[in-house]
């Protein structure tokens, strides 16, 4: 009965802490959110407690913890996606590993360490996000020369216009680009669609940043087509780069 109670407390705390970590990933639309992180932490805790539940004194929890780490490596590889030259999911995969570590500590009845580790993981994922964004902007500003502007035209269903605009605002900031102007207009020949025009300002390889931005938009929103043109340099021919 005592083993059942302690196991319930350990797995319950693992689920709670893993869910707390996953809540941040869910909020930022990570590839593995609240449920996945809660399940990973719960499973890790359950595996580590196996020797206690089975009365197998010769089976050390540290050996099982090593197996958990290997298994989470395969799970983490599954959430890493490659989109052209862009790789997504590395932070989510690392967070899954951290959730497993929290589960290992709770399964070993080291509750204080598990709670402290959860706080550190949340601090890294939340507090360092604006710091990293600012460092990326400063790095581009000081190493990439003068800024360049890019104009983008994007067609989407009129019913999705509000959602696409919100995504553009969020994704331009994430791509270290500054959104300068944005306007929408109907498409006469296709009344069910709308066209968004917006201009972004960036430093360095602005074209690559814009392509990554549009690739992420295409993957998360119902985008029919888009085209962009660099307008920041008078010596550069302004040519559209369409993608249907």
C-alpha atoms as a PDB file:
ATOM      1  CA  UNK A   1       0.000   0.000   0.000  1.00  0.00           C
ATOM      2  CA  UNK A   2       2.858   2.335   0.850  1.00  0.00           C
ATOM      3  CA  UNK A   3       4.527   1.592  -2.497  1.00  0.00           C
ATOM      4  CA  UNK A   4       1.260   2.310  -4.315  1.00  0.00           C
ATOM      5  CA  UNK A   5       0.860   5.635  -2.535  1.00  0.00           C
ATOM      6  CA  UNK A   6       4.446   6.737  -3.162  1.00  0.00           C
ATOM      7  CA  UNK A   7       4.219   5.664  -6.815  1.00  0.00           C
ATOM      8  CA  UNK A   8       0.985   7.630  -7.237  1.00  0.00           C
ATOM      9  CA  UNK A   9       2.544  10.732  -5.716  1.00  0.00           C
ATOM     10  CA  UNK A  10       5.666  10.426  -7.897  1.00  0.00           C
ATOM     11  CA  UNK A  11       3.838   9.851 -11.180  1.00  0.00           C
ATOM     12  CA  UNK A  12       1.238  12.503 -10.352  1.00  0.00           C
ATOM     13  CA  UNK A  13       3.937  15.077  -9.659  1.00  0.00           C
ATOM     14  CA  UNK A  14       5.771  14.027 -12.827  1.00  0.00           C
ATOM     15  CA  UNK A  15       2.607  14.575 -14.875  1.00  0.00           C
ATOM     16  CA  UNK A  16       2.050  17.972 -13.243  1.00  0.00           C
ATOM     17  CA  UNK A  17       5.608  19.195 -13.773  1.00  0.00           C
ATOM     18  CA  UNK A  18       5.790  17.787 -17.310  1.00  0.00           C
ATOM     19  CA  UNK A  19       2.477  19.450 -18.125  1.00  0.00           C
ATOM     20  CA  UNK A  20       3.770  22.750 -16.760  1.00  0.00           C
ATOM     21  CA  UNK A  21       6.782  22.532 -19.059  1.00  0.00           C
ATOM     22  CA  UNK A  22       4.548  21.516 -21.962  1.00  0.00           C
ATOM     23  CA  UNK A  23       2.206  24.446 -21.339  1.00  0.00           C
ATOM     24  CA  UNK A  24       4.951  26.845 -22.420  1.00  0.00           C
ATOM     25  CA  UNK A  25       5.584  24.785 -25.574  1.00  0.00           C
ATOM     26  CA  UNK A  26       1.836  24.696 -26.301  1.00  0.00           C
ATOM     27  CA  UNK A  27       1.592  28.479 -25.861  1.00  0.00           C
ATOM     28  CA  UNK A  28       4.413  29.066 -28.343  1.00  0.00           C
ATOM     29  CA  UNK A  29       2.994  26.469 -30.763  1.00  0.00           C
ATOM     30  CA  UNK A  30       5.822  23.982 -30.316  1.00  0.00           C
ATOM     31  CA  UNK A  31       5.702  20.634 -32.107  1.00  0.00           C
ATOM     32  CA  UNK A  32       5.209  18.797 -28.798  1.00  0.00           C
ATOM     33  CA  UNK A  33       2.968  20.520 -26.289  1.00  0.00           C
ATOM     34  CA  UNK A  34       1.284  19.982 -22.954  1.00  0.00           C
ATOM     35  CA  UNK A  35       0.149  16.373 -23.355  1.00  0.00           C
ATOM     36  CA  UNK A  36       3.384  15.116 -24.899  1.00  0.00           C
ATOM     37  CA  UNK A  37       5.623  16.589 -22.202  1.00  0.00           C
ATOM     38  CA  UNK A  38       3.292  15.375 -19.442  1.00  0.00           C
ATOM     39  CA  UNK A  39       3.295  11.853 -20.908  1.00  0.00           C
ATOM     40  CA  UNK A  40       7.082  11.832 -21.305  1.00  0.00           C
ATOM     41  CA  UNK A  41       7.642  12.880 -17.683  1.00  0.00           C
ATOM     42  CA  UNK A  42       5.052  10.385 -16.410  1.00  0.00           C
ATOM     43  CA  UNK A  43       6.530   7.503 -18.402  1.00  0.00           C
ATOM     44  CA  UNK A  44      10.068   8.326 -17.281  1.00  0.00           C
ATOM     45  CA  UNK A  45       8.935   8.370 -13.656  1.00  0.00           C
ATOM     46  CA  UNK A  46       7.094   5.062 -14.046  1.00  0.00           C
ATOM     47  CA  UNK A  47      10.077   3.326 -15.652  1.00  0.00           C
ATOM     48  CA  UNK A  48      12.461   4.497 -12.934  1.00  0.00           C
ATOM     49  CA  UNK A  49      10.095   3.236 -10.222  1.00  0.00           C
ATOM     50  CA  UNK A  50       9.895  -0.230 -11.799  1.00  0.00           C
ATOM     51  CA  UNK A  51      12.535  -1.826  -9.493  1.00  0.00           C
ATOM     52  CA  UNK A  52      10.663  -0.565  -6.420  1.00  0.00           C
ATOM     53  CA  UNK A  53       7.279  -1.767  -7.669  1.00  0.00           C
ATOM     54  CA  UNK A  54       8.614  -5.166  -8.770  1.00  0.00           C
ATOM     55  CA  UNK A  55      10.846  -5.649  -5.741  1.00  0.00           C
ATOM     56  CA  UNK A  56      13.850  -6.131  -8.025  1.00  0.00           C
ATOM     57  CA  UNK A  57      16.624  -4.933  -5.772  1.00  0.00           C
ATOM     58  CA  UNK A  58      19.324  -5.906  -8.268  1.00  0.00           C
ATOM     59  CA  UNK A  59      17.906  -3.530 -10.903  1.00  0.00           C
ATOM     60  CA  UNK A  60      19.280  -0.062 -10.206  1.00  0.00           C
ATOM     61  CA  UNK A  61      17.129   2.946 -11.225  1.00  0.00           C
ATOM     62  CA  UNK A  62      20.177   4.589 -12.813  1.00  0.00           C
ATOM     63  CA  UNK A  63      20.315   1.821 -15.428  1.00  0.00           C
ATOM     64  CA  UNK A  64      16.676   2.401 -16.308  1.00  0.00           C
ATOM     65  CA  UNK A  65      17.278   6.148 -16.448  1.00  0.00           C
ATOM     66  CA  UNK A  66      19.923   5.553 -19.113  1.00  0.00           C
ATOM     67  CA  UNK A  67      17.415   3.581 -21.173  1.00  0.00           C
ATOM     68  CA  UNK A  68      14.880   6.393 -20.796  1.00  0.00           C
ATOM     69  CA  UNK A  69      17.422   8.894 -22.109  1.00  0.00           C
ATOM     70  CA  UNK A  70      18.076   6.733 -25.186  1.00  0.00           C
ATOM     71  CA  UNK A  71      14.367   6.313 -25.859  1.00  0.00           C
ATOM     72  CA  UNK A  72      13.681  10.033 -25.602  1.00  0.00           C
ATOM     73  CA  UNK A  73      16.454  10.595 -28.148  1.00  0.00           C
ATOM     74  CA  UNK A  74      14.403   8.717 -30.755  1.00  0.00           C
ATOM     75  CA  UNK A  75      11.242  10.570 -29.748  1.00  0.00           C
ATOM     76  CA  UNK A  76      13.025  13.913 -29.986  1.00  0.00           C
ATOM     77  CA  UNK A  77      14.292  13.087 -33.468  1.00  0.00           C
ATOM     78  CA  UNK A  78      10.690  12.645 -34.546  1.00  0.00           C
ATOM     79  CA  UNK A  79       9.750  16.257 -33.749  1.00  0.00           C
ATOM     80  CA  UNK A  80      12.662  17.795 -35.667  1.00  0.00           C
ATOM     81  CA  UNK A  81      11.516  18.962 -39.097  1.00  0.00           C
ATOM     82  CA  UNK A  82      13.499  20.247 -42.039  1.00  0.00           C
ATOM     83  CA  UNK A  83      11.764  22.844 -44.218  1.00  0.00           C
ATOM     84  CA  UNK A  84      14.115  23.721 -47.069  1.00  0.00           C
ATOM     85  CA  UNK A  85      17.162  25.281 -45.409  1.00  0.00           C
ATOM     86  CA  UNK A  86      15.278  25.795 -42.149  1.00  0.00           C
ATOM     87  CA  UNK A  87      15.245  23.287 -39.281  1.00  0.00           C
ATOM     88  CA  UNK A  88      12.427  23.368 -36.734  1.00  0.00           C
ATOM     89  CA  UNK A  89      11.851  21.502 -33.509  1.00  0.00           C
ATOM     90  CA  UNK A  90      15.319  21.453 -31.947  1.00  0.00           C
ATOM     91  CA  UNK A  91      14.182  23.379 -28.872  1.00  0.00           C
ATOM     92  CA  UNK A  92      11.080  21.209 -28.536  1.00  0.00           C
ATOM     93  CA  UNK A  93      13.210  18.053 -28.761  1.00  0.00           C
ATOM     94  CA  UNK A  94      15.555  19.387 -26.074  1.00  0.00           C
ATOM     95  CA  UNK A  95      12.549  20.258 -23.905  1.00  0.00           C
ATOM     96  CA  UNK A  96      11.275  16.673 -24.209  1.00  0.00           C
ATOM     97  CA  UNK A  97      14.626  15.466 -22.920  1.00  0.00           C
ATOM     98  CA  UNK A  98      14.322  17.876 -20.002  1.00  0.00           C
ATOM     99  CA  UNK A  99      10.794  16.631 -19.249  1.00  0.00           C
ATOM    100  CA  UNK A 100      12.169  13.094 -19.151  1.00  0.00           C
ATOM    101  CA  UNK A 101      14.841  14.241 -16.688  1.00  0.00           C
ATOM    102  CA  UNK A 102      12.126  15.731 -14.472  1.00  0.00           C
ATOM    103  CA  UNK A 103      10.301  12.398 -14.605  1.00  0.00           C
ATOM    104  CA  UNK A 104      13.469  10.522 -13.653  1.00  0.00           C
ATOM    105  CA  UNK A 105      13.959  12.720 -10.577  1.00  0.00           C
ATOM    106  CA  UNK A 106      10.334  12.366  -9.461  1.00  0.00           C
ATOM    107  CA  UNK A 107      10.515   8.611 -10.002  1.00  0.00           C
ATOM    108  CA  UNK A 108      13.569   8.575  -7.738  1.00  0.00           C
ATOM    109  CA  UNK A 109      11.633  10.512  -5.033  1.00  0.00           C
ATOM    110  CA  UNK A 110      13.890  13.546  -5.501  1.00  0.00           C
ATOM    111  CA  UNK A 111      10.928  15.905  -5.620  1.00  0.00           C
ATOM    112  CA  UNK A 112      12.746  19.100  -4.667  1.00  0.00           C
ATOM    113  CA  UNK A 113      15.301  18.643  -7.454  1.00  0.00           C
ATOM    114  CA  UNK A 114      12.501  17.867  -9.927  1.00  0.00           C
ATOM    115  CA  UNK A 115      10.666  21.080  -9.011  1.00  0.00           C
ATOM    116  CA  UNK A 116      13.873  23.102  -9.207  1.00  0.00           C
ATOM    117  CA  UNK A 117      14.726  21.596 -12.589  1.00  0.00           C
ATOM    118  CA  UNK A 118      11.248  22.473 -13.866  1.00  0.00           C
ATOM    119  CA  UNK A 119      11.753  26.082 -12.792  1.00  0.00           C
ATOM    120  CA  UNK A 120      15.112  26.215 -14.594  1.00  0.00           C
ATOM    121  CA  UNK A 121      13.615  24.746 -17.795  1.00  0.00           C
ATOM    122  CA  UNK A 122      10.782  27.280 -17.767  1.00  0.00           C
ATOM    123  CA  UNK A 123      13.228  30.109 -17.123  1.00  0.00           C
ATOM    124  CA  UNK A 124      15.351  29.049 -20.090  1.00  0.00           C
ATOM    125  CA  UNK A 125      12.397  28.709 -22.460  1.00  0.00           C
ATOM    126  CA  UNK A 126      10.607  31.889 -21.338  1.00  0.00           C
ATOM    127  CA  UNK A 127      13.160  34.355 -19.989  1.00  0.00           C
ATOM    128  CA  UNK A 128      15.834  33.705 -22.623  1.00  0.00           C
ATOM    129  CA  UNK A 129      13.427  34.039 -25.572  1.00  0.00           C
ATOM    130  CA  UNK A 130      13.520  37.885 -25.747  1.00  0.00           C
ATOM    131  CA  UNK A 131      17.249  37.890 -24.955  1.00  0.00           C
ATOM    132  CA  UNK A 132      18.001  35.590 -27.901  1.00  0.00           C
ATOM    133  CA  UNK A 133      15.769  37.638 -30.194  1.00  0.00           C
ATOM    134  CA  UNK A 134      17.572  40.831 -29.235  1.00  0.00           C
ATOM    135  CA  UNK A 135      21.005  39.229 -29.634  1.00  0.00           C
ATOM    136  CA  UNK A 136      20.071  38.033 -33.126  1.00  0.00           C
ATOM    137  CA  UNK A 137      18.977  41.529 -34.085  1.00  0.00           C
ATOM    138  CA  UNK A 138      22.140  43.110 -32.687  1.00  0.00           C
ATOM    139  CA  UNK A 139      24.322  40.542 -34.439  1.00  0.00           C
ATOM    140  CA  UNK A 140      22.687  41.278 -37.775  1.00  0.00           C
ATOM    141  CA  UNK A 141      22.799  45.025 -37.227  1.00  0.00           C
ATOM    142  CA  UNK A 142      26.521  45.171 -36.464  1.00  0.00           C
ATOM    143  CA  UNK A 143      27.740  42.596 -38.969  1.00  0.00           C
ATOM    144  CA  UNK A 144      25.519  42.928 -41.993  1.00  0.00           C
ATOM    145  CA  UNK A 145      25.816  46.502 -43.216  1.00  0.00           C
ATOM    146  CA  UNK A 146      22.891  48.762 -44.114  1.00  0.00           C
ATOM    147  CA  UNK A 147      19.273  47.613 -43.812  1.00  0.00           C
ATOM    148  CA  UNK A 148      17.241  46.412 -46.788  1.00  0.00           C
ATOM    149  CA  UNK A 149      13.494  46.524 -47.382  1.00  0.00           C
ATOM    150  CA  UNK A 150      11.433  43.769 -48.978  1.00  0.00           C
ATOM    151  CA  UNK A 151       7.856  44.080 -50.227  1.00  0.00           C
ATOM    152  CA  UNK A 152       5.682  40.965 -50.068  1.00  0.00           C
ATOM    153  CA  UNK A 153       2.322  40.202 -51.671  1.00  0.00           C
ATOM    154  CA  UNK A 154       0.384  37.248 -50.316  1.00  0.00           C
ATOM    155  CA  UNK A 155      -2.952  35.764 -51.397  1.00  0.00           C
ATOM    156  CA  UNK A 156      -5.143  33.892 -48.915  1.00  0.00           C
ATOM    157  CA  UNK A 157      -8.832  33.056 -48.404  1.00  0.00           C
ATOM    158  CA  UNK A 158     -10.742  36.144 -47.282  1.00  0.00           C
ATOM    159  CA  UNK A 159     -12.127  34.189 -44.329  1.00  0.00           C
ATOM    160  CA  UNK A 160      -8.572  33.568 -43.048  1.00  0.00           C
ATOM    161  CA  UNK A 161      -7.397  37.171 -43.427  1.00  0.00           C
ATOM    162  CA  UNK A 162      -7.403  38.062 -39.717  1.00  0.00           C
ATOM    163  CA  UNK A 163      -5.514  34.904 -38.752  1.00  0.00           C
ATOM    164  CA  UNK A 164      -2.920  35.348 -41.495  1.00  0.00           C
ATOM    165  CA  UNK A 165      -2.312  38.968 -40.451  1.00  0.00           C
ATOM    166  CA  UNK A 166      -1.766  37.882 -36.851  1.00  0.00           C
ATOM    167  CA  UNK A 167       0.691  35.199 -37.990  1.00  0.00           C
ATOM    168  CA  UNK A 168       2.605  37.719 -40.114  1.00  0.00           C
ATOM    169  CA  UNK A 169       2.994  40.053 -37.132  1.00  0.00           C
ATOM    170  CA  UNK A 170       4.230  37.217 -34.905  1.00  0.00           C
ATOM    171  CA  UNK A 171       6.505  35.566 -37.471  1.00  0.00           C
ATOM    172  CA  UNK A 172       8.231  38.750 -38.686  1.00  0.00           C
ATOM    173  CA  UNK A 173       9.369  39.460 -35.137  1.00  0.00           C
ATOM    174  CA  UNK A 174      10.577  35.873 -34.745  1.00  0.00           C
ATOM    175  CA  UNK A 175      12.508  36.122 -38.035  1.00  0.00           C
ATOM    176  CA  UNK A 176      14.366  39.248 -36.805  1.00  0.00           C
ATOM    177  CA  UNK A 177      12.513  41.387 -39.352  1.00  0.00           C
ATOM    178  CA  UNK A 178      10.777  44.694 -38.741  1.00  0.00           C
ATOM    179  CA  UNK A 179       7.242  44.994 -40.114  1.00  0.00           C
ATOM    180  CA  UNK A 180       6.857  48.498 -41.542  1.00  0.00           C
ATOM    181  CA  UNK A 181       3.519  48.556 -43.402  1.00  0.00           C
ATOM    182  CA  UNK A 182       0.657  46.172 -44.112  1.00  0.00           C
ATOM    183  CA  UNK A 183      -2.586  46.565 -46.050  1.00  0.00           C
ATOM    184  CA  UNK A 184      -5.222  44.236 -47.468  1.00  0.00           C
ATOM    185  CA  UNK A 185      -7.341  44.464 -50.596  1.00  0.00           C
ATOM    186  CA  UNK A 186      -9.931  42.256 -52.307  1.00  0.00           C
ATOM    187  CA  UNK A 187      -9.104  40.365 -55.501  1.00  0.00           C
ATOM    188  CA  UNK A 188     -11.647  41.255 -58.185  1.00  0.00           C
ATOM    189  CA  UNK A 189     -11.249  38.082 -60.234  1.00  0.00           C
ATOM    190  CA  UNK A 190     -11.309  35.864 -57.116  1.00  0.00           C
ATOM    191  CA  UNK A 191     -13.771  37.408 -54.627  1.00  0.00           C
ATOM    192  CA  UNK A 192     -13.309  34.531 -52.180  1.00  0.00           C
ATOM    193  CA  UNK A 193      -9.635  35.513 -51.728  1.00  0.00           C
ATOM    194  CA  UNK A 194      -7.853  38.588 -50.378  1.00  0.00           C
ATOM    195  CA  UNK A 195      -4.387  39.999 -51.051  1.00  0.00           C
ATOM    196  CA  UNK A 196      -2.087  41.232 -48.311  1.00  0.00           C
ATOM    197  CA  UNK A 197       0.733  43.662 -49.077  1.00  0.00           C
ATOM    198  CA  UNK A 198       3.365  44.219 -46.409  1.00  0.00           C
ATOM    199  CA  UNK A 199       6.904  45.540 -46.206  1.00  0.00           C
ATOM    200  CA  UNK A 200       9.626  44.267 -43.903  1.00  0.00           C
ATOM    201  CA  UNK A 201      13.016  45.707 -43.021  1.00  0.00           C
ATOM    202  CA  UNK A 202      16.019  43.591 -42.130  1.00  0.00           C
ATOM    203  CA  UNK A 203      19.788  43.312 -42.063  1.00  0.00           C
ATOM    204  CA  UNK A 204      22.127  40.855 -43.730  1.00  0.00           C
ATOM    205  CA  UNK A 205      20.584  38.009 -45.703  1.00  0.00           C
ATOM    206  CA  UNK A 206      17.126  39.517 -45.846  1.00  0.00           C
ATOM    207  CA  UNK A 207      16.036  37.329 -48.773  1.00  0.00           C
ATOM    208  CA  UNK A 208      16.727  34.136 -46.825  1.00  0.00           C
ATOM    209  CA  UNK A 209      14.885  35.530 -43.800  1.00  0.00           C
ATOM    210  CA  UNK A 210      11.880  36.405 -45.964  1.00  0.00           C
ATOM    211  CA  UNK A 211      11.884  32.934 -47.546  1.00  0.00           C
ATOM    212  CA  UNK A 212      11.932  31.341 -44.082  1.00  0.00           C
ATOM    213  CA  UNK A 213       9.119  33.644 -43.012  1.00  0.00           C
ATOM    214  CA  UNK A 214       6.969  32.730 -46.014  1.00  0.00           C
ATOM    215  CA  UNK A 215       7.757  29.018 -45.651  1.00  0.00           C
ATOM    216  CA  UNK A 216       6.564  29.086 -42.042  1.00  0.00           C
ATOM    217  CA  UNK A 217       3.428  31.002 -43.046  1.00  0.00           C
ATOM    218  CA  UNK A 218       2.726  28.516 -45.828  1.00  0.00           C
ATOM    219  CA  UNK A 219       3.027  25.662 -43.346  1.00  0.00           C
ATOM    220  CA  UNK A 220       0.743  27.159 -40.691  1.00  0.00           C
ATOM    221  CA  UNK A 221      -1.815  29.184 -42.659  1.00  0.00           C
ATOM    222  CA  UNK A 222      -3.933  28.641 -45.751  1.00  0.00           C
ATOM    223  CA  UNK A 223      -1.743  30.626 -48.152  1.00  0.00           C
ATOM    224  CA  UNK A 224      -2.695  30.412 -51.835  1.00  0.00           C
ATOM    225  CA  UNK A 225       0.363  32.161 -53.306  1.00  0.00           C
ATOM    226  CA  UNK A 226       2.946  34.805 -52.500  1.00  0.00           C
ATOM    227  CA  UNK A 227       5.586  36.969 -54.173  1.00  0.00           C
ATOM    228  CA  UNK A 228       8.296  39.246 -52.840  1.00  0.00           C
ATOM    229  CA  UNK A 229      10.610  41.937 -54.173  1.00  0.00           C
ATOM    230  CA  UNK A 230      13.649  43.558 -52.596  1.00  0.00           C
ATOM    231  CA  UNK A 231      13.317  47.352 -52.704  1.00  0.00           C
ATOM    232  CA  UNK A 232      16.026  48.491 -50.307  1.00  0.00           C
ATOM    233  CA  UNK A 233      18.895  49.016 -52.784  1.00  0.00           C
ATOM    234  CA  UNK A 234      18.624  51.293 -55.836  1.00  0.00           C
ATOM    235  CA  UNK A 235      21.265  49.208 -57.600  1.00  0.00           C
ATOM    236  CA  UNK A 236      19.249  46.022 -57.307  1.00  0.00           C
ATOM    237  CA  UNK A 237      16.809  45.018 -60.016  1.00  0.00           C
ATOM    238  CA  UNK A 238      13.363  44.641 -58.502  1.00  0.00           C
ATOM    239  CA  UNK A 239      12.157  41.219 -59.596  1.00  0.00           C
ATOM    240  CA  UNK A 240       9.308  39.215 -58.155  1.00  0.00           C
ATOM    241  CA  UNK A 241       9.985  35.751 -56.787  1.00  0.00           C
ATOM    242  CA  UNK A 242       6.610  33.984 -56.970  1.00  0.00           C
ATOM    243  CA  UNK A 243       5.547  30.768 -55.328  1.00  0.00           C
ATOM    244  CA  UNK A 244       2.187  29.217 -56.072  1.00  0.00           C
END
